[in-house]
Amino acid sequence: MSPAQSVDSPGRAPVPEWEEAARAAWPGHVPSGIAAFAGRHHLSVLVLSLVVLTLAAWLRLPWLGLAAWLIGSGWEWLSTAADPVGVRSLEQVGLRPQLRALLRSLIAVGLVAGLATATAPNAALTYLTAVLVIQLVWLIQPVLATWLWRVAPPLRYQPAGRQSGAFAEHARVYARGVGTSGVFVALEAAVLLVALITTGRPADSLWVLFDYCFAVAIVETALIYLGWTTWQTMQLRRQAPQTAQELVDELGTLTPRFLVYVSLPARQSEYVVNQWLPALDRLTTDGLILVREASQLAPLEATRHPVIYAPASRDVERLELPSLKAAFYLAYGERNGQPMRNPALRHIFLMHGDSDKATSASNLAKGADEVWVAGSAAIERFRVAGVDLPDERFAVIGRPQVADLTFGPTGNERPVVLYAPTFEGLDDQIAYSSLEVIGPDLVRALLKNHPELRVWFRPHPASGVNRPQLRAAIAEIETMLRAGDGHLVTADQGLSLTECLNAADLLITDISSVATDFLATGRPIVTCDPLGRPQAEFVATYPTTAGSYLVHPGVREVDLVLGLAFGDDPLRPVRDRLRREVLGELPDGPQAAFEANVRRVTSG
């Protein structure tokens, strides 16, 4: 994969970094609701419009053909901002927007040429000439975007807000190379309309001359547009060093004491970074968030700390300001080594969750100066995994994310069961999700046998990126719940994970940090084991599940488990012990411990 390609989710066509940057600050004017609607129906409209356009060419129905062309091209433009899954599927087989547009245009050439009039051949040739020039200008736009991106400076990004300044200027250049531009749709629609009108006029009509002149004007307009976009690109390239220096000077006046280094697979900032932003915002120490991949930008929530998009290695070195004392890492990213080369910083693995997943205790932790963990259970996890780190390399800070979770009963008249499965992992060794094997059967059993319960469903945001079968399971569960009484797909109301956990009387989940965070509520937990292992073996492998009830494929034990959990709850004392071991025993709470340790490593 070339440097200009983003590290993207499995199952998606590789996306250039500049395209991800454009989508993170989309400068278009199509309302998001309209774009989303167009995106959902993109594939069906594309196929139908091409079929109708082809039939219109065969049957010599020019105005039906024009309508089909306008609908197909306009729909492409409307759905560009939505980035629909159907479009990605087409791009995986090479049918990118320009090629789809060229196919539509060639059929339109046949439509014009096939009309039985004396002026039709010349009108078709005129239209084809204009189309080829428009297509050439269109094809050059991604080239300009790549040309700019290769020298682009680090840019400041405003999460959850409209972009301005340098980022907006670069995003406009990048956006011209993404999807279908309204400019090219308008230019080609105009020349096609005039060509069709011309075919209905006699050979000696002034319309024939007008058709030529109009096509020349369209070609000139397209070339002027090319000159304008090229000039803008060249200006930004020339300004890149100055833009970079202005950003460094701006950050220098803010004197950040730490940086949070973000380098992750596509869009994982939604659940890796966002969960830390409230705790980071509460700190009295200022920092900055350094993002290496543009796909991480759009999912970011608002934060008081500056967010800097810095894709190049030279940018990382440039942004290692003298005021910085520490660097935090939220995952074992492949590109962590770039800032870790700097001996002036104290490098700290903060990580993004505490669970018994194999990735929680990695030998890569040895590369950091310190590893900050939630509680003593995490330290023991490293010991069991054979990762030999001295005690002084660990700092126990608890989980600031659970500070807003309420302890004890919810008070719900109708109990809420939250099913929150994890994602499938990137390979079989770290595959813990119950979605495919247990999920639909579990929800079906809950709805059939326990009408006294309300079932809420919140799958991991990355579910289905590696295995399409999980997306099918999600769709099946969502269909069942939306048809029920009082049940909820939490995404329909945009509920946060904290809101979901606070509302749940019982959590059903997998091996994940959702389960360990829920320990803070003291309420029952049910853990799913897709492999169907005996409870003793399961708990020995995943010690934090000792306080959980267990469900296997087939969910035959679900009624018994619910009876225990909502009854005497014999595992409550075990969960009380695990809460102290997993989440730490901190007199002043996790946020205070986090604050104290941040001050310790950033002082001086």
Foldseek 3Di string as FASTA:
>chain_A
DDLQWFQAFFPFDTDGLLLLLLLLQPPDDQDPVQLQVLQVCLVVLLVVLQVQLLVCLVVLPLVSNLVSLLSNQVSQASNQSVPHSVQRVCVVVPCAQLNSNVSSLVSLLSSQCSHPFPCSPVLSVLLVVLLVLLSVLLVCLCVLLVVLVVLAAKDWDFAPDHDDDPSVLSSVSSVSNTTRDPLSSVLSSVLSVLSNVRRVDHPPDCSSVVSNVSSVVSSVVSVVVSVVSNVSSVVNSVCRVVVNVVVLVVVVVVLAAEEEEDDDYAQPCLQQVQLCQVLQQPFPGAHAYEYQGSRNNHSHHGHPHIYIHGNDLVNLVSNPDPSYAEYEYAAPHPPPVSVLVDPRHQYEYAHRFDFLFPRLQDLSRVSGQAYEAQFQVSVVSNVVVVNDDDPVRYAHQFRPSLPLAAADALPDPQAEEEEEEEAQDPDPSRGWGCQQQANVVVLVCCVVPPVSHAYEYHYHPCHCSRPVSSVVSVVNSVVVQVPDPRHYDVVVVPDDLSRVLNRHQEYEYEGTRSVLSSLRHLAAYEYEGAVPDDPVVVCVSTVLCQLHHYAYGVRPCVVVRVCCRVDPSPSSVVSVVSNCRRRHDDPVHSSVSVNVVVCVSSPD
